[in-house]
PDB file of N, CA and C in Angstrom:
ATOM      1  N   MET A   1      -0.277   1.798  18.864  1.00  0.00           N
ATOM      2  CA  MET A   1       1.054   1.393  17.612  1.00  0.00           C
ATOM      3  C   MET A   1       0.774  -0.210  17.490  1.00  0.00           C
ATOM      4  N   LYS A   2       0.907  -0.530  16.668  1.00  0.00           N
ATOM      5  CA  LYS A   2       0.854  -2.285  16.312  1.00  0.00           C
ATOM      6  C   LYS A   2       2.228  -2.517  15.527  1.00  0.00           C
ATOM      7  N   LYS A   3       2.881  -3.564  16.133  1.00  0.00           N
ATOM      8  CA  LYS A   3       4.086  -3.951  15.166  1.00  0.00           C
ATOM      9  C   LYS A   3       3.502  -5.119  14.459  1.00  0.00           C
ATOM     10  N   PRO A   4       3.888  -5.072  13.180  1.00  0.00           N
ATOM     11  CA  PRO A   4       3.620  -5.855  12.326  1.00  0.00           C
ATOM     12  C   PRO A   4       3.992  -7.504  12.575  1.00  0.00           C
ATOM     13  N   ASN A   5       2.986  -8.208  13.466  1.00  0.00           N
ATOM     14  CA  ASN A   5       2.716  -9.711  13.435  1.00  0.00           C
ATOM     15  C   ASN A   5       2.294 -10.493  13.101  1.00  0.00           C
ATOM     16  N   SER A   6       1.850  -9.817  12.104  1.00  0.00           N
ATOM     17  CA  SER A   6       0.897 -10.567  11.057  1.00  0.00           C
ATOM     18  C   SER A   6       1.734 -11.534  10.114  1.00  0.00           C
ATOM     19  N   ASP A   7       0.713 -12.371   9.268  1.00  0.00           N
ATOM     20  CA  ASP A   7       1.382 -12.586   8.060  1.00  0.00           C
ATOM     21  C   ASP A   7       1.960 -11.540   7.140  1.00  0.00           C
ATOM     22  N   ILE A   8       2.921 -12.073   6.574  1.00  0.00           N
ATOM     23  CA  ILE A   8       3.852 -11.344   5.550  1.00  0.00           C
ATOM     24  C   ILE A   8       3.604 -12.223   4.330  1.00  0.00           C
ATOM     25  N   ILE A   9       2.676 -11.561   3.108  1.00  0.00           N
ATOM     26  CA  ILE A   9       2.678 -12.252   2.013  1.00  0.00           C
ATOM     27  C   ILE A   9       3.380 -11.552   0.984  1.00  0.00           C
ATOM     28  N   LEU A  10       4.110 -12.646   0.184  1.00  0.00           N
ATOM     29  CA  LEU A  10       4.513 -11.532  -1.609  1.00  0.00           C
ATOM     30  C   LEU A  10       4.002 -11.805  -2.473  1.00  0.00           C
ATOM     31  N   TYR A  11       3.333 -10.347  -3.042  1.00  0.00           N
ATOM     32  CA  TYR A  11       2.606 -10.401  -4.127  1.00  0.00           C
ATOM     33  C   TYR A  11       3.358 -10.243  -5.286  1.00  0.00           C
ATOM     34  N   SER A  12       3.082 -10.893  -6.319  1.00  0.00           N
ATOM     35  CA  SER A  12       4.164 -10.776  -7.287  1.00  0.00           C
ATOM     36  C   SER A  12       3.190 -10.715  -8.679  1.00  0.00           C
ATOM     37  N   THR A  13       3.438 -10.281  -9.829  1.00  0.00           N
ATOM     38  CA  THR A  13       2.521 -10.320 -11.178  1.00  0.00           C
ATOM     39  C   THR A  13       2.578 -11.350 -11.805  1.00  0.00           C
ATOM     40  N   SER A  14       1.645 -11.789 -12.572  1.00  0.00           N
ATOM     41  CA  SER A  14       1.645 -13.036 -13.197  1.00  0.00           C
ATOM     42  C   SER A  14       3.046 -13.496 -13.926  1.00  0.00           C
ATOM     43  N   GLU A  15       3.965 -12.328 -14.612  1.00  0.00           N
ATOM     44  CA  GLU A  15       5.086 -12.199 -15.022  1.00  0.00           C
ATOM     45  C   GLU A  15       6.021 -12.421 -14.294  1.00  0.00           C
ATOM     46  N   GLY A  16       5.938 -11.914 -13.070  1.00  0.00           N
ATOM     47  CA  GLY A  16       7.074 -12.222 -11.903  1.00  0.00           C
ATOM     48  C   GLY A  16       7.871 -11.042 -11.829  1.00  0.00           C
ATOM     49  N   GLU A  17       7.260  -9.917 -12.387  1.00  0.00           N
ATOM     50  CA  GLU A  17       8.507  -8.896 -12.635  1.00  0.00           C
ATOM     51  C   GLU A  17       8.620  -8.176 -11.392  1.00  0.00           C
ATOM     52  N   ILE A  18       7.363  -7.573 -10.746  1.00  0.00           N
ATOM     53  CA  ILE A  18       7.087  -6.944  -9.677  1.00  0.00           C
ATOM     54  C   ILE A  18       6.788  -7.820  -8.173  1.00  0.00           C
ATOM     55  N   LYS A  19       7.529  -7.395  -7.090  1.00  0.00           N
ATOM     56  CA  LYS A  19       7.635  -8.167  -5.821  1.00  0.00           C
ATOM     57  C   LYS A  19       7.413  -7.496  -4.978  1.00  0.00           C
ATOM     58  N   VAL A  20       6.478  -7.551  -3.984  1.00  0.00           N
ATOM     59  CA  VAL A  20       6.210  -6.653  -2.801  1.00  0.00           C
ATOM     60  C   VAL A  20       5.636  -7.459  -1.791  1.00  0.00           C
ATOM     61  N   GLU A  21       6.070  -6.886  -0.655  1.00  0.00           N
ATOM     62  CA  GLU A  21       5.790  -7.943   0.699  1.00  0.00           C
ATOM     63  C   GLU A  21       4.752  -6.888   1.477  1.00  0.00           C
ATOM     64  N   VAL A  22       3.292  -7.499   1.554  1.00  0.00           N
ATOM     65  CA  VAL A  22       2.096  -6.993   2.079  1.00  0.00           C
ATOM     66  C   VAL A  22       1.994  -7.678   3.657  1.00  0.00           C
ATOM     67  N   TYR A  23       1.380  -6.991   4.413  1.00  0.00           N
ATOM     68  CA  TYR A  23       0.752  -7.526   5.582  1.00  0.00           C
ATOM     69  C   TYR A  23      -0.495  -7.951   5.294  1.00  0.00           C
ATOM     70  N   TYR A  24      -0.891  -9.212   6.157  1.00  0.00           N
ATOM     71  CA  TYR A  24      -2.214  -9.109   6.084  1.00  0.00           C
ATOM     72  C   TYR A  24      -2.363  -9.551   7.717  1.00  0.00           C
ATOM     73  N   GLU A  25      -3.339  -8.918   8.103  1.00  0.00           N
ATOM     74  CA  GLU A  25      -4.266  -8.512   9.411  1.00  0.00           C
ATOM     75  C   GLU A  25      -5.272  -8.391   9.462  1.00  0.00           C
ATOM     76  N   ASP A  26      -5.817  -8.956  10.303  1.00  0.00           N
ATOM     77  CA  ASP A  26      -7.091  -8.458  10.285  1.00  0.00           C
ATOM     78  C   ASP A  26      -8.335  -8.350   9.401  1.00  0.00           C
ATOM     79  N   GLU A  27      -7.924  -9.468   8.568  1.00  0.00           N
ATOM     80  CA  GLU A  27      -8.578  -9.956   7.278  1.00  0.00           C
ATOM     81  C   GLU A  27      -8.792  -9.092   6.140  1.00  0.00           C
ATOM     82  N   THR A  28      -7.641  -8.351   6.214  1.00  0.00           N
ATOM     83  CA  THR A  28      -7.144  -7.286   4.942  1.00  0.00           C
ATOM     84  C   THR A  28      -5.708  -7.233   4.903  1.00  0.00           C
ATOM     85  N   PHE A  29      -5.443  -6.895   3.939  1.00  0.00           N
ATOM     86  CA  PHE A  29      -3.906  -6.451   3.480  1.00  0.00           C
ATOM     87  C   PHE A  29      -3.751  -5.169   3.228  1.00  0.00           C
ATOM     88  N   TRP A  30      -2.163  -4.783   4.269  1.00  0.00           N
ATOM     89  CA  TRP A  30      -1.907  -3.673   4.751  1.00  0.00           C
ATOM     90  C   TRP A  30      -0.724  -3.153   3.642  1.00  0.00           C
ATOM     91  N   LEU A  31      -0.496  -2.221   2.899  1.00  0.00           N
ATOM     92  CA  LEU A  31       0.815  -1.872   2.391  1.00  0.00           C
ATOM     93  C   LEU A  31       1.256  -0.082   2.895  1.00  0.00           C
ATOM     94  N   SER A  32       2.210   0.350   2.623  1.00  0.00           N
ATOM     95  CA  SER A  32       2.919   1.758   2.972  1.00  0.00           C
ATOM     96  C   SER A  32       2.580   2.399   1.407  1.00  0.00           C
ATOM     97  N   GLN A  33       2.939   3.095   1.742  1.00  0.00           N
ATOM     98  CA  GLN A  33       2.989   4.328   0.246  1.00  0.00           C
ATOM     99  C   GLN A  33       4.172   3.707  -0.474  1.00  0.00           C
ATOM    100  N   LYS A  34       5.517   3.636   0.120  1.00  0.00           N
ATOM    101  CA  LYS A  34       6.180   3.070  -0.603  1.00  0.00           C
ATOM    102  C   LYS A  34       5.938   1.929  -1.535  1.00  0.00           C
ATOM    103  N   ARG A  35       5.777   0.687  -0.694  1.00  0.00           N
ATOM    104  CA  ARG A  35       5.104  -0.365  -1.070  1.00  0.00           C
ATOM    105  C   ARG A  35       4.389  -0.246  -2.381  1.00  0.00           C
ATOM    106  N   MET A  36       2.757   0.553  -2.009  1.00  0.00           N
ATOM    107  CA  MET A  36       2.494   0.797  -3.128  1.00  0.00           C
ATOM    108  C   MET A  36       3.064   1.211  -4.370  1.00  0.00           C
ATOM    109  N   SER A  37       3.890   2.711  -4.126  1.00  0.00           N
ATOM    110  CA  SER A  37       4.624   2.772  -5.086  1.00  0.00           C
ATOM    111  C   SER A  37       5.557   1.686  -6.086  1.00  0.00           C
ATOM    112  N   ILE A  38       6.102   0.827  -5.537  1.00  0.00           N
ATOM    113  CA  ILE A  38       6.716  -0.682  -6.002  1.00  0.00           C
ATOM    114  C   ILE A  38       5.319  -1.316  -6.504  1.00  0.00           C
ATOM    115  N   LEU A  39       4.588  -1.588  -6.270  1.00  0.00           N
ATOM    116  CA  LEU A  39       3.416  -2.073  -6.765  1.00  0.00           C
ATOM    117  C   LEU A  39       2.716  -1.663  -8.490  1.00  0.00           C
ATOM    118  N   PHE A  40       2.697  -0.242  -8.001  1.00  0.00           N
ATOM    119  CA  PHE A  40       2.349   0.191  -9.290  1.00  0.00           C
ATOM    120  C   PHE A  40       3.159   0.897 -10.488  1.00  0.00           C
ATOM    121  N   ASP A  41       4.625   0.769  -9.790  1.00  0.00           N
ATOM    122  CA  ASP A  41       5.512   1.052 -10.378  1.00  0.00           C
ATOM    123  C   ASP A  41       5.266   2.755 -10.778  1.00  0.00           C
ATOM    124  N   VAL A  42       5.348   3.384  -9.874  1.00  0.00           N
ATOM    125  CA  VAL A  42       5.003   4.871  -9.976  1.00  0.00           C
ATOM    126  C   VAL A  42       6.187   5.566  -8.750  1.00  0.00           C
ATOM    127  N   ASP A  43       6.138   6.984  -8.569  1.00  0.00           N
ATOM    128  CA  ASP A  43       6.731   7.508  -7.791  1.00  0.00           C
ATOM    129  C   ASP A  43       6.097   7.605  -6.831  1.00  0.00           C
ATOM    130  N   ILE A  44       6.591   7.690  -5.552  1.00  0.00           N
ATOM    131  CA  ILE A  44       5.813   7.490  -4.311  1.00  0.00           C
ATOM    132  C   ILE A  44       5.083   9.143  -4.343  1.00  0.00           C
ATOM    133  N   ARG A  45       5.478  10.108  -4.638  1.00  0.00           N
ATOM    134  CA  ARG A  45       4.718  11.212  -4.652  1.00  0.00           C
ATOM    135  C   ARG A  45       3.578  11.012  -5.660  1.00  0.00           C
ATOM    136  N   THR A  46       3.150  10.177  -6.532  1.00  0.00           N
ATOM    137  CA  THR A  46       2.043   9.650  -7.053  1.00  0.00           C
ATOM    138  C   THR A  46       1.156   9.078  -6.285  1.00  0.00           C
ATOM    139  N   ILE A  47       1.558   8.319  -5.257  1.00  0.00           N
ATOM    140  CA  ILE A  47       0.610   7.768  -4.795  1.00  0.00           C
ATOM    141  C   ILE A  47       0.307   8.835  -3.363  1.00  0.00           C
ATOM    142  N   SER A  48       1.050   9.362  -3.094  1.00  0.00           N
ATOM    143  CA  SER A  48       0.574  10.649  -2.241  1.00  0.00           C
ATOM    144  C   SER A  48      -0.369  11.483  -2.493  1.00  0.00           C
ATOM    145  N   GLU A  49      -0.136  11.998  -3.505  1.00  0.00           N
ATOM    146  CA  GLU A  49      -1.488  12.606  -4.242  1.00  0.00           C
ATOM    147  C   GLU A  49      -2.689  11.961  -4.392  1.00  0.00           C
ATOM    148  N   HIS A  50      -2.698  11.057  -4.751  1.00  0.00           N
ATOM    149  CA  HIS A  50      -3.700   9.975  -5.215  1.00  0.00           C
ATOM    150  C   HIS A  50      -4.497  10.008  -3.956  1.00  0.00           C
ATOM    151  N   LEU A  51      -3.794   9.321  -2.666  1.00  0.00           N
ATOM    152  CA  LEU A  51      -4.223   9.177  -1.246  1.00  0.00           C
ATOM    153  C   LEU A  51      -5.133  10.785  -1.041  1.00  0.00           C
ATOM    154  N   GLN A  52      -4.127  11.903  -1.081  1.00  0.00           N
ATOM    155  CA  GLN A  52      -4.835  12.997  -0.660  1.00  0.00           C
ATOM    156  C   GLN A  52      -6.211  13.278  -1.145  1.00  0.00           C
ATOM    157  N   ASN A  53      -6.313  13.259  -2.659  1.00  0.00           N
ATOM    158  CA  ASN A  53      -7.519  13.112  -3.284  1.00  0.00           C
ATOM    159  C   ASN A  53      -8.382  12.452  -2.737  1.00  0.00           C
ATOM    160  N   ILE A  54      -8.354  11.315  -2.208  1.00  0.00           N
ATOM    161  CA  ILE A  54      -9.375  10.154  -2.320  1.00  0.00           C
ATOM    162  C   ILE A  54      -9.579  10.537  -0.538  1.00  0.00           C
ATOM    163  N   PHE A  55      -8.712  11.089   0.032  1.00  0.00           N
ATOM    164  CA  PHE A  55      -9.482  11.638   1.801  1.00  0.00           C
ATOM    165  C   PHE A  55     -10.054  12.785   1.373  1.00  0.00           C
ATOM    166  N   GLY A  56      -9.723  13.864   0.552  1.00  0.00           N
ATOM    167  CA  GLY A  56     -10.140  15.133   0.149  1.00  0.00           C
ATOM    168  C   GLY A  56     -11.167  15.074  -0.379  1.00  0.00           C
ATOM    169  N   THR A  57     -11.944  14.224  -1.282  1.00  0.00           N
ATOM    170  CA  THR A  57     -13.126  14.110  -1.659  1.00  0.00           C
ATOM    171  C   THR A  57     -13.967  13.136  -1.041  1.00  0.00           C
ATOM    172  N   GLY A  58     -13.811  12.823   0.155  1.00  0.00           N
ATOM    173  CA  GLY A  58     -14.656  11.645   0.951  1.00  0.00           C
ATOM    174  C   GLY A  58     -14.718  10.699   0.390  1.00  0.00           C
ATOM    175  N   GLU A  59     -14.031   9.986  -0.502  1.00  0.00           N
ATOM    176  CA  GLU A  59     -14.323   8.777  -0.975  1.00  0.00           C
ATOM    177  C   GLU A  59     -13.934   7.725   0.112  1.00  0.00           C
ATOM    178  N   LEU A  60     -12.856   7.734   1.071  1.00  0.00           N
ATOM    179  CA  LEU A  60     -12.206   7.085   1.807  1.00  0.00           C
ATOM    180  C   LEU A  60     -12.131   8.159   3.033  1.00  0.00           C
ATOM    181  N   GLU A  61     -12.433   7.451   4.462  1.00  0.00           N
ATOM    182  CA  GLU A  61     -12.060   8.090   5.274  1.00  0.00           C
ATOM    183  C   GLU A  61     -10.721   7.976   5.967  1.00  0.00           C
ATOM    184  N   ASP A  62      -9.897   8.743   6.092  1.00  0.00           N
ATOM    185  CA  ASP A  62      -8.347   8.377   6.328  1.00  0.00           C
ATOM    186  C   ASP A  62      -8.331   7.590   7.532  1.00  0.00           C
ATOM    187  N   LYS A  63      -9.096   7.839   8.901  1.00  0.00           N
ATOM    188  CA  LYS A  63      -9.456   7.023  10.031  1.00  0.00           C
ATOM    189  C   LYS A  63      -9.336   5.402   9.832  1.00  0.00           C
ATOM    190  N   SER A  64     -10.405   5.244   8.918  1.00  0.00           N
ATOM    191  CA  SER A  64     -10.556   3.683   8.686  1.00  0.00           C
ATOM    192  C   SER A  64     -10.194   3.234   8.032  1.00  0.00           C
ATOM    193  N   VAL A  65      -8.721   3.722   7.019  1.00  0.00           N
ATOM    194  CA  VAL A  65      -7.888   2.795   6.233  1.00  0.00           C
ATOM    195  C   VAL A  65      -6.576   2.946   6.412  1.00  0.00           C
ATOM    196  N   ILE A  66      -6.153   3.817   7.605  1.00  0.00           N
ATOM    197  CA  ILE A  66      -5.020   3.605   7.931  1.00  0.00           C
ATOM    198  C   ILE A  66      -4.380   3.184   9.080  1.00  0.00           C
ATOM    199  N   ARG A  67      -3.426   2.349   9.411  1.00  0.00           N
ATOM    200  CA  ARG A  67      -3.131   1.902  10.438  1.00  0.00           C
ATOM    201  C   ARG A  67      -1.906   2.063  10.205  1.00  0.00           C
ATOM    202  N   LYS A  68      -1.081   2.834  11.717  1.00  0.00           N
ATOM    203  CA  LYS A  68       0.180   2.983  11.955  1.00  0.00           C
ATOM    204  C   LYS A  68       0.901   1.321  12.533  1.00  0.00           C
ATOM    205  N   PHE A  69       2.100   0.888  11.920  1.00  0.00           N
ATOM    206  CA  PHE A  69       3.058  -0.217  12.067  1.00  0.00           C
ATOM    207  C   PHE A  69       4.244   0.211  12.627  1.00  0.00           C
ATOM    208  N   ARG A  70       4.989  -0.348  13.628  1.00  0.00           N
ATOM    209  CA  ARG A  70       6.229   0.157  13.890  1.00  0.00           C
ATOM    210  C   ARG A  70       7.135  -0.886  13.269  1.00  0.00           C
ATOM    211  N   ILE A  71       7.867  -0.360  12.232  1.00  0.00           N
ATOM    212  CA  ILE A  71       9.051  -1.323  11.474  1.00  0.00           C
ATOM    213  C   ILE A  71      10.267  -0.789  11.651  1.00  0.00           C
ATOM    214  N   THR A  72      10.895  -1.763  11.343  1.00  0.00           N
ATOM    215  CA  THR A  72      12.456  -1.707  11.261  1.00  0.00           C
ATOM    216  C   THR A  72      13.341  -1.127  10.183  1.00  0.00           C
ATOM    217  N   ALA A  73      13.941  -0.300   9.882  1.00  0.00           N
ATOM    218  CA  ALA A  73      14.406   0.228   8.650  1.00  0.00           C
ATOM    219  C   ALA A  73      15.536  -0.706   8.445  1.00  0.00           C
ATOM    220  N   SER A  74      16.289  -0.284   7.276  1.00  0.00           N
ATOM    221  CA  SER A  74      17.633  -1.013   6.888  1.00  0.00           C
ATOM    222  C   SER A  74      18.629  -0.216   8.119  1.00  0.00           C
ATOM    223  N   ASP A  75      18.377   0.881   8.457  1.00  0.00           N
ATOM    224  CA  ASP A  75      19.483   1.521   9.342  1.00  0.00           C
ATOM    225  C   ASP A  75      19.283   0.874  11.007  1.00  0.00           C
ATOM    226  N   GLY A  76      18.148  -0.144  11.145  1.00  0.00           N
ATOM    227  CA  GLY A  76      18.110  -0.467  12.252  1.00  0.00           C
ATOM    228  C   GLY A  76      17.392   0.225  13.397  1.00  0.00           C
ATOM    229  N   LYS A  77      16.677   1.288  12.930  1.00  0.00           N
ATOM    230  CA  LYS A  77      15.634   2.101  13.679  1.00  0.00           C
ATOM    231  C   LYS A  77      14.665   1.677  13.456  1.00  0.00           C
ATOM    232  N   LYS A  78      13.674   1.902  14.492  1.00  0.00           N
ATOM    233  CA  LYS A  78      12.419   1.683  14.466  1.00  0.00           C
ATOM    234  C   LYS A  78      11.343   2.930  13.946  1.00  0.00           C
ATOM    235  N   TYR A  79      10.687   2.877  12.952  1.00  0.00           N
ATOM    236  CA  TYR A  79       9.996   3.720  13.017  1.00  0.00           C
ATOM    237  C   TYR A  79       8.480   3.497  12.568  1.00  0.00           C
ATOM    238  N   ASN A  80       7.309   4.609  13.014  1.00  0.00           N
ATOM    239  CA  ASN A  80       5.861   4.763  12.796  1.00  0.00           C
ATOM    240  C   ASN A  80       5.853   4.913  11.649  1.00  0.00           C
ATOM    241  N   THR A  81       4.803   3.860  10.584  1.00  0.00           N
ATOM    242  CA  THR A  81       4.751   4.205   9.516  1.00  0.00           C
ATOM    243  C   THR A  81       3.511   3.709   9.192  1.00  0.00           C
ATOM    244  N   ASN A  82       2.908   4.800   8.354  1.00  0.00           N
ATOM    245  CA  ASN A  82       1.499   4.591   7.960  1.00  0.00           C
ATOM    246  C   ASN A  82       1.577   3.545   6.775  1.00  0.00           C
ATOM    247  N   PHE A  83       0.155   2.510   7.198  1.00  0.00           N
ATOM    248  CA  PHE A  83       0.014   1.427   6.182  1.00  0.00           C
ATOM    249  C   PHE A  83      -1.564   1.959   5.801  1.00  0.00           C
ATOM    250  N   TYR A  84      -1.603   1.358   4.585  1.00  0.00           N
ATOM    251  CA  TYR A  84      -3.258   1.530   4.189  1.00  0.00           C
ATOM    252  C   TYR A  84      -3.561   0.207   3.494  1.00  0.00           C
ATOM    253  N   ASN A  85      -5.160  -0.060   4.056  1.00  0.00           N
ATOM    254  CA  ASN A  85      -5.805  -1.079   3.918  1.00  0.00           C
ATOM    255  C   ASN A  85      -6.524  -1.230   2.302  1.00  0.00           C
ATOM    256  N   LEU A  86      -6.746  -2.604   2.376  1.00  0.00           N
ATOM    257  CA  LEU A  86      -6.853  -3.106   0.706  1.00  0.00           C
ATOM    258  C   LEU A  86      -7.745  -2.355  -0.074  1.00  0.00           C
ATOM    259  N   ASP A  87      -9.127  -1.377   0.759  1.00  0.00           N
ATOM    260  CA  ASP A  87      -9.985  -0.320   0.142  1.00  0.00           C
ATOM    261  C   ASP A  87      -9.122   0.462  -0.190  1.00  0.00           C
ATOM    262  N   ALA A  88      -8.217   1.477   0.218  1.00  0.00           N
ATOM    263  CA  ALA A  88      -7.191   2.231  -0.080  1.00  0.00           C
ATOM    264  C   ALA A  88      -6.224   1.873  -1.397  1.00  0.00           C
ATOM    265  N   VAL A  89      -5.668   0.527  -0.990  1.00  0.00           N
ATOM    266  CA  VAL A  89      -5.144   0.444  -2.168  1.00  0.00           C
ATOM    267  C   VAL A  89      -5.468   0.285  -3.425  1.00  0.00           C
ATOM    268  N   ILE A  90      -6.896  -0.344  -3.299  1.00  0.00           N
ATOM    269  CA  ILE A  90      -7.509  -0.645  -4.894  1.00  0.00           C
ATOM    270  C   ILE A  90      -8.226   0.743  -5.569  1.00  0.00           C
ATOM    271  N   ALA A  91      -8.376   2.000  -4.605  1.00  0.00           N
ATOM    272  CA  ALA A  91      -8.788   3.047  -4.548  1.00  0.00           C
ATOM    273  C   ALA A  91      -7.924   3.567  -5.475  1.00  0.00           C
ATOM    274  N   VAL A  92      -6.630   3.772  -4.864  1.00  0.00           N
ATOM    275  CA  VAL A  92      -5.164   4.256  -5.383  1.00  0.00           C
ATOM    276  C   VAL A  92      -4.996   3.619  -6.607  1.00  0.00           C
ATOM    277  N   GLY A  93      -5.151   2.078  -7.051  1.00  0.00           N
ATOM    278  CA  GLY A  93      -4.823   1.310  -8.270  1.00  0.00           C
ATOM    279  C   GLY A  93      -5.664   2.070  -9.211  1.00  0.00           C
ATOM    280  N   TYR A  94      -7.021   2.213  -9.105  1.00  0.00           N
ATOM    281  CA  TYR A  94      -7.899   2.678 -10.139  1.00  0.00           C
ATOM    282  C   TYR A  94      -7.439   4.063 -10.538  1.00  0.00           C
ATOM    283  N   ARG A  95      -6.496   4.772  -9.816  1.00  0.00           N
ATOM    284  CA  ARG A  95      -6.535   6.356 -10.324  1.00  0.00           C
ATOM    285  C   ARG A  95      -4.888   6.292 -11.050  1.00  0.00           C
ATOM    286  N   VAL A  96      -4.063   5.339 -10.869  1.00  0.00           N
ATOM    287  CA  VAL A  96      -2.499   5.384 -11.222  1.00  0.00           C
ATOM    288  C   VAL A  96      -2.657   4.946 -12.776  1.00  0.00           C
ATOM    289  N   ASN A  97      -1.782   5.627 -13.433  1.00  0.00           N
ATOM    290  CA  ASN A  97      -1.880   5.427 -15.210  1.00  0.00           C
ATOM    291  C   ASN A  97      -0.394   4.783 -15.234  1.00  0.00           C
ATOM    292  N   SER A  98      -0.519   3.308 -15.071  1.00  0.00           N
ATOM    293  CA  SER A  98       0.571   2.567 -15.547  1.00  0.00           C
ATOM    294  C   SER A  98       0.429   0.990 -15.758  1.00  0.00           C
ATOM    295  N   TYR A  99       1.310   0.570 -16.753  1.00  0.00           N
ATOM    296  CA  TYR A  99       1.146  -0.733 -16.669  1.00  0.00           C
ATOM    297  C   TYR A  99       0.983  -1.682 -15.637  1.00  0.00           C
ATOM    298  N   GLN A 100       1.699  -1.399 -14.534  1.00  0.00           N
ATOM    299  CA  GLN A 100       1.511  -2.681 -13.382  1.00  0.00           C
ATOM    300  C   GLN A 100       0.185  -2.299 -12.798  1.00  0.00           C
ATOM    301  N   ALA A 101      -0.096  -0.751 -12.805  1.00  0.00           N
ATOM    302  CA  ALA A 101      -1.505  -0.831 -12.298  1.00  0.00           C
ATOM    303  C   ALA A 101      -2.702  -1.145 -12.910  1.00  0.00           C
ATOM    304  N   THR A 102      -2.577  -1.384 -13.808  1.00  0.00           N
ATOM    305  CA  THR A 102      -3.690  -1.945 -15.232  1.00  0.00           C
ATOM    306  C   THR A 102      -3.465  -3.407 -14.586  1.00  0.00           C
ATOM    307  N   GLN A 103      -2.276  -4.371 -14.536  1.00  0.00           N
ATOM    308  CA  GLN A 103      -2.235  -5.557 -14.293  1.00  0.00           C
ATOM    309  C   GLN A 103      -2.890  -5.854 -13.052  1.00  0.00           C
ATOM    310  N   PHE A 104      -2.647  -5.193 -12.073  1.00  0.00           N
ATOM    311  CA  PHE A 104      -3.164  -5.078 -10.705  1.00  0.00           C
ATOM    312  C   PHE A 104      -4.687  -5.187 -10.695  1.00  0.00           C
ATOM    313  N   ARG A 105      -5.367  -4.743 -11.503  1.00  0.00           N
ATOM    314  CA  ARG A 105      -6.454  -4.276 -11.523  1.00  0.00           C
ATOM    315  C   ARG A 105      -7.418  -5.618 -12.090  1.00  0.00           C
ATOM    316  N   VAL A 106      -6.687  -6.343 -13.094  1.00  0.00           N
ATOM    317  CA  VAL A 106      -7.205  -7.470 -13.854  1.00  0.00           C
ATOM    318  C   VAL A 106      -6.664  -8.944 -13.330  1.00  0.00           C
ATOM    319  N   GLU A 107      -5.961  -8.759 -12.306  1.00  0.00           N
ATOM    320  CA  GLU A 107      -5.221  -9.964 -11.967  1.00  0.00           C
ATOM    321  C   GLU A 107      -6.289 -10.560 -10.752  1.00  0.00           C
TER     322      GLU A 107
END
């Protein structure tokens, strides 16, 4: 289990509308499903569905793109949370049908 002691970077669109904290560690970016849903402006269930399809078809192997980070939630408790690397974020971004996903792809 890794505790995110990596760099925290704030991603925002060129319009500055969407801002998402991402972790940068081991030369890649890491986002949780919740943060991906904010990034692409869709429901978290949409992110989950696309990830299941990506892993189900063998496009990406879950063991190579998921890392568990221990994070502290707003209730003060620590939780082990799946974070997905940039390869997974890009794969989801190409599937999501939203204005924000399009902006992410072209920026």
